Each structure stands twice: as structure tokens, then as C-alpha cells.
Amino acid sequence: MQLGLPFGATDTAVSPQSSPEYYFVRHRRARRYLLRVDPDGRIRVTIPRGGSRREADAFALRNRAWIDAQLSRVRPPAVAVDTQRTWRARAKAVLPERLLELAGRHGCAVQAVSVRSQKTRWGSCGRNGHISLNWRLMLMPDWVRDYVLIHELMHLKRLDHSPKFWRLVEAACPDYRLARQWLRTHGPALR
């Protein structure tokens, strides 16, 4: 969960005053202080250009009620770090094969497939026909995973999210709305 806009990292530190664990990130393009509760329960505080660590601490304290509310909704990480390598290896073996199988079924020409560890995306499709998939797709039900693969394949036909794109998705995956709902409900716990 996040209060504010997305941000990137340049410099981190852990707060000594933690009951939840805080860490601080400076971001030169941020215009204000931001909070985000990571799935592991750590609190990320973004410091904007010209901001100070002291002001960031005060900002986090002022928003403690929001933080507590978000922490009550956070689940523990779905996959322990020591098992991630196993899942990633399995994903590299399974996901490209399944993607190509679905591509053949739906008349799509995939140029390349990669399996990565994106933090905010389940998959992406480039104009050049390269599809990148998140290894965490292996942690969800097959029917939800297939929806994500079909979603990316339909971007080979239409590289936008227009009504025409969603009609393509629906033709290839009639229950796509259920899969999207599953991702909204359960997806954050898998990241």
C-alpha cells in the first residue's frame, strides 16, 4: 500500500525508532514525502529533493494511523527467499513453453520471451514482440496465469488498453474479469 505517487530508490537507511521497520529513500524527482507499506511489513518513506530525514520521521509519525491500518492488511511474503531460486528456475522452464503454446492457439508471433523479477508488473510486451514475464506467475492458479499470458499476447495485436484491446482479451479469455479480480485481491501478497 502506498500514500502518494510511485518512486525510485537512491539512498536507504533504517530508522532506529522502529516498532514497524522504517527505511528511508531519497528521490530527486519526488516533490513531497511519501509512504509505502511493503508486503513484508516494512515502511518505506521517500524523502523529496530538499527534504530532510528529520522531516521524514515527523511525516511518518503524523501518518501513523494510516500506517497501522495498512499493516493490519499486509500478509507475510508468499515465498521465502531461499525458495525463490527454485521457483524462478521452474518459471523459466514452464512459462515460455506455455506462452508459445497459447500464442500458437491465438495466432500470435512472439519474437522473444524472458522471465524476470519485476516488482510492479506481471508481464510486459514490447513493440518488437518481446514478452517479459514475472516468475511470480508460478505462484498463482493456472487460469489466472493463463489470463496474464493471453493479456500480453493480445498486446502483440493491439499495443494499448482500448476497448478494442479488451474485446480481443475477452474473445481469447472469456473469464478474464474473474482473473483480474483475483489479481487485485491476491496479487499484492505474491510480490
C-alpha atoms as a PDB file:
ATOM      1  CA  MET A   1       0.000   0.000   0.000  1.00  0.00           C
ATOM      2  CA  GLN A   2       1.206   3.470  -0.713  1.00  0.00           C
ATOM      3  CA  LEU A   3       0.383   7.024   0.273  1.00  0.00           C
ATOM      4  CA  GLY A   4       1.401   9.284  -2.610  1.00  0.00           C
ATOM      5  CA  LEU A   5       2.923   8.539  -6.000  1.00  0.00           C
ATOM      6  CA  PRO A   6       5.358   5.793  -7.089  1.00  0.00           C
ATOM      7  CA  PHE A   7       9.051   6.442  -6.572  1.00  0.00           C
ATOM      8  CA  GLY A   8      12.565   5.045  -7.143  1.00  0.00           C
ATOM      9  CA  ALA A   9      15.429   4.437  -4.783  1.00  0.00           C
ATOM     10  CA  THR A  10      18.785   6.150  -4.498  1.00  0.00           C
ATOM     11  CA  ASP A  11      19.781   6.012  -0.814  1.00  0.00           C
ATOM     12  CA  THR A  12      18.431   3.957   2.103  1.00  0.00           C
ATOM     13  CA  ALA A  13      18.720   3.824   5.888  1.00  0.00           C
ATOM     14  CA  VAL A  14      16.802   2.048   8.652  1.00  0.00           C
ATOM     15  CA  SER A  15      15.131   4.130  11.371  1.00  0.00           C
ATOM     16  CA  PRO A  16      16.253   3.466  14.933  1.00  0.00           C
ATOM     17  CA  GLN A  17      12.733   4.230  16.262  1.00  0.00           C
ATOM     18  CA  SER A  18      11.097   1.257  14.631  1.00  0.00           C
ATOM     19  CA  SER A  19       8.276  -0.709  16.015  1.00  0.00           C
ATOM     20  CA  PRO A  20       7.420  -1.387  12.423  1.00  0.00           C
ATOM     21  CA  GLU A  21      10.659  -1.215  10.460  1.00  0.00           C
ATOM     22  CA  TYR A  22      11.124   2.041   8.548  1.00  0.00           C
ATOM     23  CA  TYR A  23      13.553   2.666   5.756  1.00  0.00           C
ATOM     24  CA  PHE A  24      14.215   5.934   4.003  1.00  0.00           C
ATOM     25  CA  VAL A  25      14.801   6.538   0.314  1.00  0.00           C
ATOM     26  CA  ARG A  26      15.867   9.822  -1.265  1.00  0.00           C
ATOM     27  CA  HIS A  27      14.344  10.538  -4.646  1.00  0.00           C
ATOM     28  CA  ARG A  28      15.433  13.590  -6.598  1.00  0.00           C
ATOM     29  CA  ARG A  29      12.177  13.794  -8.587  1.00  0.00           C
ATOM     30  CA  ALA A  30       9.814  13.414  -5.612  1.00  0.00           C
ATOM     31  CA  ARG A  31       8.016  16.631  -4.744  1.00  0.00           C
ATOM     32  CA  ARG A  32       6.721  15.543  -1.363  1.00  0.00           C
ATOM     33  CA  TYR A  33       7.192  12.956   1.351  1.00  0.00           C
ATOM     34  CA  LEU A  34       5.626   9.589   0.519  1.00  0.00           C
ATOM     35  CA  LEU A  35       4.799   6.455   2.489  1.00  0.00           C
ATOM     36  CA  ARG A  36       4.506   2.895   1.293  1.00  0.00           C
ATOM     37  CA  VAL A  37       3.943  -0.282   3.273  1.00  0.00           C
ATOM     38  CA  ASP A  38       5.817  -3.162   1.646  1.00  0.00           C
ATOM     39  CA  PRO A  39       4.293  -6.675   1.639  1.00  0.00           C
ATOM     40  CA  ASP A  40       6.869  -7.719   4.258  1.00  0.00           C
ATOM     41  CA  GLY A  41       5.547  -5.006   6.607  1.00  0.00           C
ATOM     42  CA  ARG A  42       8.469  -2.592   6.281  1.00  0.00           C
ATOM     43  CA  ILE A  43       7.574   1.092   5.887  1.00  0.00           C
ATOM     44  CA  ARG A  44       9.235   2.979   3.043  1.00  0.00           C
ATOM     45  CA  VAL A  45       9.491   6.739   3.492  1.00  0.00           C
ATOM     46  CA  THR A  46      10.507   8.700   0.401  1.00  0.00           C
ATOM     47  CA  ILE A  47      12.345  11.966   1.003  1.00  0.00           C
ATOM     48  CA  PRO A  48      11.897  14.571  -1.748  1.00  0.00           C
ATOM     49  CA  ARG A  49      14.663  16.803  -3.056  1.00  0.00           C
ATOM     50  CA  GLY A  50      15.376  19.423  -0.407  1.00  0.00           C
ATOM     51  CA  GLY A  51      13.768  17.246   2.287  1.00  0.00           C
ATOM     52  CA  SER A  52      15.401  16.058   5.485  1.00  0.00           C
ATOM     53  CA  ARG A  53      15.458  12.838   7.453  1.00  0.00           C
ATOM     54  CA  ARG A  54      14.047  14.709  10.467  1.00  0.00           C
ATOM     55  CA  GLU A  55      11.053  15.934   8.449  1.00  0.00           C
ATOM     56  CA  ALA A  56      10.600  12.406   7.049  1.00  0.00           C
ATOM     57  CA  ASP A  57      10.445  10.994  10.608  1.00  0.00           C
ATOM     58  CA  ALA A  58       7.851  13.602  11.560  1.00  0.00           C
ATOM     59  CA  PHE A  59       5.826  12.836   8.405  1.00  0.00           C
ATOM     60  CA  ALA A  60       5.798   9.116   9.257  1.00  0.00           C
ATOM     61  CA  LEU A  61       4.704   9.860  12.838  1.00  0.00           C
ATOM     62  CA  ARG A  62       1.858  12.125  11.669  1.00  0.00           C
ATOM     63  CA  ASN A  63       0.624   9.320   9.408  1.00  0.00           C
ATOM     64  CA  ARG A  64       0.937   6.527  11.973  1.00  0.00           C
ATOM     65  CA  ALA A  65      -2.817   5.790  11.910  1.00  0.00           C
ATOM     66  CA  TRP A  66      -2.651   5.230   8.140  1.00  0.00           C
ATOM     67  CA  ILE A  67       0.434   3.033   8.542  1.00  0.00           C
ATOM     68  CA  ASP A  68      -1.241   0.934  11.261  1.00  0.00           C
ATOM     69  CA  ALA A  69      -4.336   0.490   9.096  1.00  0.00           C
ATOM     70  CA  GLN A  70      -2.200  -0.693   6.177  1.00  0.00           C
ATOM     71  CA  LEU A  71      -0.105  -3.012   8.362  1.00  0.00           C
ATOM     72  CA  SER A  72      -3.267  -4.731   9.556  1.00  0.00           C
ATOM     73  CA  ARG A  73      -3.980  -5.664   5.916  1.00  0.00           C
ATOM     74  CA  VAL A  74      -0.460  -6.838   4.965  1.00  0.00           C
ATOM     75  CA  ARG A  75       0.174 -10.546   4.712  1.00  0.00           C
ATOM     76  CA  PRO A  76       3.580 -12.173   5.098  1.00  0.00           C
ATOM     77  CA  PRO A  77       5.566 -12.723   1.888  1.00  0.00           C
ATOM     78  CA  ALA A  78       4.268 -15.696  -0.089  1.00  0.00           C
ATOM     79  CA  VAL A  79       7.689 -17.144  -0.889  1.00  0.00           C
ATOM     80  CA  ALA A  80      10.724 -17.376   1.375  1.00  0.00           C
ATOM     81  CA  VAL A  81      13.939 -16.038  -0.126  1.00  0.00           C
ATOM     82  CA  ASP A  82      15.635 -19.455  -0.082  1.00  0.00           C
ATOM     83  CA  THR A  83      12.927 -20.980  -2.301  1.00  0.00           C
ATOM     84  CA  GLN A  84      12.793 -18.150  -4.840  1.00  0.00           C
ATOM     85  CA  ARG A  85      15.618 -19.651  -6.895  1.00  0.00           C
ATOM     86  CA  THR A  86      13.688 -22.889  -7.275  1.00  0.00           C
ATOM     87  CA  TRP A  87      10.532 -21.039  -8.383  1.00  0.00           C
ATOM     88  CA  ARG A  88      12.500 -18.867 -10.801  1.00  0.00           C
ATOM     89  CA  ALA A  89      14.131 -21.899 -12.399  1.00  0.00           C
ATOM     90  CA  ARG A  90      10.755 -23.585 -12.730  1.00  0.00           C
ATOM     91  CA  ALA A  91       9.242 -20.417 -14.207  1.00  0.00           C
ATOM     92  CA  LYS A  92      11.988 -20.275 -16.863  1.00  0.00           C
ATOM     93  CA  ALA A  93      11.120 -23.829 -17.872  1.00  0.00           C
ATOM     94  CA  VAL A  94       7.301 -23.547 -17.752  1.00  0.00           C
ATOM     95  CA  LEU A  95       6.273 -20.000 -18.682  1.00  0.00           C
ATOM     96  CA  PRO A  96       7.903 -19.611 -22.122  1.00  0.00           C
ATOM     97  CA  GLU A  97       6.573 -23.015 -23.210  1.00  0.00           C
ATOM     98  CA  ARG A  98       3.025 -22.167 -22.105  1.00  0.00           C
ATOM     99  CA  LEU A  99       3.217 -18.694 -23.672  1.00  0.00           C
ATOM    100  CA  LEU A 100       4.265 -20.146 -27.023  1.00  0.00           C
ATOM    101  CA  GLU A 101       1.504 -22.765 -26.815  1.00  0.00           C
ATOM    102  CA  LEU A 102      -1.100 -20.014 -26.254  1.00  0.00           C
ATOM    103  CA  ALA A 103       0.494 -17.863 -28.968  1.00  0.00           C
ATOM    104  CA  GLY A 104       0.009 -20.666 -31.493  1.00  0.00           C
ATOM    105  CA  ARG A 105      -3.587 -21.157 -30.410  1.00  0.00           C
ATOM    106  CA  HIS A 106      -4.376 -17.435 -30.815  1.00  0.00           C
ATOM    107  CA  GLY A 107      -2.326 -16.689 -33.931  1.00  0.00           C
ATOM    108  CA  CYS A 108       0.339 -14.523 -32.277  1.00  0.00           C
ATOM    109  CA  ALA A 109       4.005 -14.299 -33.283  1.00  0.00           C
ATOM    110  CA  VAL A 110       6.265 -13.951 -30.239  1.00  0.00           C
ATOM    111  CA  GLN A 111       9.815 -12.811 -31.059  1.00  0.00           C
ATOM    112  CA  ALA A 112      11.391 -13.482 -27.651  1.00  0.00           C
ATOM    113  CA  VAL A 113      10.383 -14.418 -24.099  1.00  0.00           C
ATOM    114  CA  SER A 114      12.181 -13.573 -20.871  1.00  0.00           C
ATOM    115  CA  VAL A 115      11.387 -14.388 -17.258  1.00  0.00           C
ATOM    116  CA  ARG A 116      12.284 -11.662 -14.786  1.00  0.00           C
ATOM    117  CA  SER A 117      11.570 -10.419 -11.275  1.00  0.00           C
ATOM    118  CA  GLN A 118       9.540  -7.262 -11.812  1.00  0.00           C
ATOM    119  CA  LYS A 119       8.220  -5.550  -8.688  1.00  0.00           C
ATOM    120  CA  THR A 120       5.122  -3.945 -10.196  1.00  0.00           C
ATOM    121  CA  ARG A 121       4.201  -5.949 -13.324  1.00  0.00           C
ATOM    122  CA  TRP A 122       3.108  -9.486 -14.020  1.00  0.00           C
ATOM    123  CA  GLY A 123       4.238  -9.141 -17.621  1.00  0.00           C
ATOM    124  CA  SER A 124       5.007  -6.709 -20.411  1.00  0.00           C
ATOM    125  CA  CYS A 125       5.043  -6.713 -24.188  1.00  0.00           C
ATOM    126  CA  GLY A 126       7.348  -4.583 -26.321  1.00  0.00           C
ATOM    127  CA  ARG A 127       6.677  -3.258 -29.800  1.00  0.00           C
ATOM    128  CA  ASN A 128       9.365  -5.642 -31.042  1.00  0.00           C
ATOM    129  CA  GLY A 129       7.331  -8.710 -29.983  1.00  0.00           C
ATOM    130  CA  HIS A 130       9.412  -9.407 -26.880  1.00  0.00           C
ATOM    131  CA  ILE A 131       7.308 -10.550 -23.924  1.00  0.00           C
ATOM    132  CA  SER A 132       8.703 -10.400 -20.415  1.00  0.00           C
ATOM    133  CA  LEU A 133       7.027 -12.420 -17.650  1.00  0.00           C
ATOM    134  CA  ASN A 134       7.316 -12.252 -13.873  1.00  0.00           C
ATOM    135  CA  TRP A 135       8.457 -15.527 -12.251  1.00  0.00           C
ATOM    136  CA  ARG A 136       5.808 -14.977  -9.548  1.00  0.00           C
ATOM    137  CA  LEU A 137       3.184 -16.036 -12.085  1.00  0.00           C
ATOM    138  CA  MET A 138       4.075 -19.541 -10.927  1.00  0.00           C
ATOM    139  CA  LEU A 139       2.549 -18.761  -7.518  1.00  0.00           C
ATOM    140  CA  MET A 140      -0.982 -18.204  -8.818  1.00  0.00           C
ATOM    141  CA  PRO A 141      -3.648 -20.567 -10.158  1.00  0.00           C
ATOM    142  CA  ASP A 142      -3.169 -21.757 -13.749  1.00  0.00           C
ATOM    143  CA  TRP A 143      -6.301 -19.986 -15.023  1.00  0.00           C
ATOM    144  CA  VAL A 144      -5.101 -16.628 -13.645  1.00  0.00           C
ATOM    145  CA  ARG A 145      -1.618 -17.185 -15.066  1.00  0.00           C
ATOM    146  CA  ASP A 146      -3.114 -18.002 -18.469  1.00  0.00           C
ATOM    147  CA  TYR A 147      -5.069 -14.746 -18.371  1.00  0.00           C
ATOM    148  CA  VAL A 148      -1.830 -12.776 -17.828  1.00  0.00           C
ATOM    149  CA  LEU A 149      -0.147 -14.618 -20.704  1.00  0.00           C
ATOM    150  CA  ILE A 150      -3.133 -14.018 -23.004  1.00  0.00           C
ATOM    151  CA  HIS A 151      -3.219 -10.353 -21.951  1.00  0.00           C
ATOM    152  CA  GLU A 152       0.393  -9.926 -23.062  1.00  0.00           C
ATOM    153  CA  LEU A 153      -0.209 -11.897 -26.270  1.00  0.00           C
ATOM    154  CA  MET A 154      -3.130  -9.647 -27.200  1.00  0.00           C
ATOM    155  CA  HIS A 155      -0.732  -6.700 -26.940  1.00  0.00           C
ATOM    156  CA  LEU A 156       1.005  -8.192 -29.972  1.00  0.00           C
ATOM    157  CA  LYS A 157      -2.218  -7.453 -31.853  1.00  0.00           C
ATOM    158  CA  ARG A 158      -3.033  -4.146 -30.154  1.00  0.00           C
ATOM    159  CA  LEU A 159      -0.477  -2.316 -28.006  1.00  0.00           C
ATOM    160  CA  ASP A 160      -2.877  -0.325 -25.818  1.00  0.00           C
ATOM    161  CA  HIS A 161      -5.730  -0.847 -23.358  1.00  0.00           C
ATOM    162  CA  SER A 162      -8.525   0.451 -25.552  1.00  0.00           C
ATOM    163  CA  PRO A 163     -11.991  -1.157 -25.759  1.00  0.00           C
ATOM    164  CA  LYS A 164     -10.781  -2.980 -28.907  1.00  0.00           C
ATOM    165  CA  PHE A 165      -7.907  -4.482 -26.905  1.00  0.00           C
ATOM    166  CA  TRP A 166     -10.261  -5.697 -24.160  1.00  0.00           C
ATOM    167  CA  ARG A 167     -12.533  -7.284 -26.788  1.00  0.00           C
ATOM    168  CA  LEU A 168      -9.511  -9.254 -28.045  1.00  0.00           C
ATOM    169  CA  VAL A 169      -8.746 -10.369 -24.481  1.00  0.00           C
ATOM    170  CA  GLU A 170     -12.361 -11.374 -23.869  1.00  0.00           C
ATOM    171  CA  ALA A 171     -12.505 -13.384 -27.092  1.00  0.00           C
ATOM    172  CA  ALA A 172      -9.381 -15.305 -26.054  1.00  0.00           C
ATOM    173  CA  CYS A 173     -10.189 -15.487 -22.320  1.00  0.00           C
ATOM    174  CA  PRO A 174     -13.928 -15.093 -21.625  1.00  0.00           C
ATOM    175  CA  ASP A 175     -13.471 -15.153 -17.818  1.00  0.00           C
ATOM    176  CA  TYR A 176     -10.729 -12.523 -17.803  1.00  0.00           C
ATOM    177  CA  ARG A 177     -12.691 -10.295 -15.388  1.00  0.00           C
ATOM    178  CA  LEU A 178     -12.566 -13.018 -12.717  1.00  0.00           C
ATOM    179  CA  ALA A 179      -8.813 -13.355 -13.213  1.00  0.00           C
ATOM    180  CA  ARG A 180      -8.358  -9.596 -12.917  1.00  0.00           C
ATOM    181  CA  GLN A 181     -10.354  -9.624  -9.688  1.00  0.00           C
ATOM    182  CA  TRP A 182      -8.217 -12.471  -8.351  1.00  0.00           C
ATOM    183  CA  LEU A 183      -5.086 -10.437  -9.120  1.00  0.00           C
ATOM    184  CA  ARG A 184      -6.475  -7.343  -7.388  1.00  0.00           C
ATOM    185  CA  THR A 185      -7.381  -9.368  -4.303  1.00  0.00           C
ATOM    186  CA  HIS A 186      -4.471 -11.794  -4.020  1.00  0.00           C
ATOM    187  CA  GLY A 187      -1.728 -10.372  -6.240  1.00  0.00           C
ATOM    188  CA  PRO A 188      -0.203  -7.945  -3.702  1.00  0.00           C
ATOM    189  CA  ALA A 189       0.580 -10.816  -1.326  1.00  0.00           C
ATOM    190  CA  LEU A 190       2.666 -12.513  -4.039  1.00  0.00           C
ATOM    191  CA  ARG A 191       5.034  -9.579  -4.628  1.00  0.00           C
END
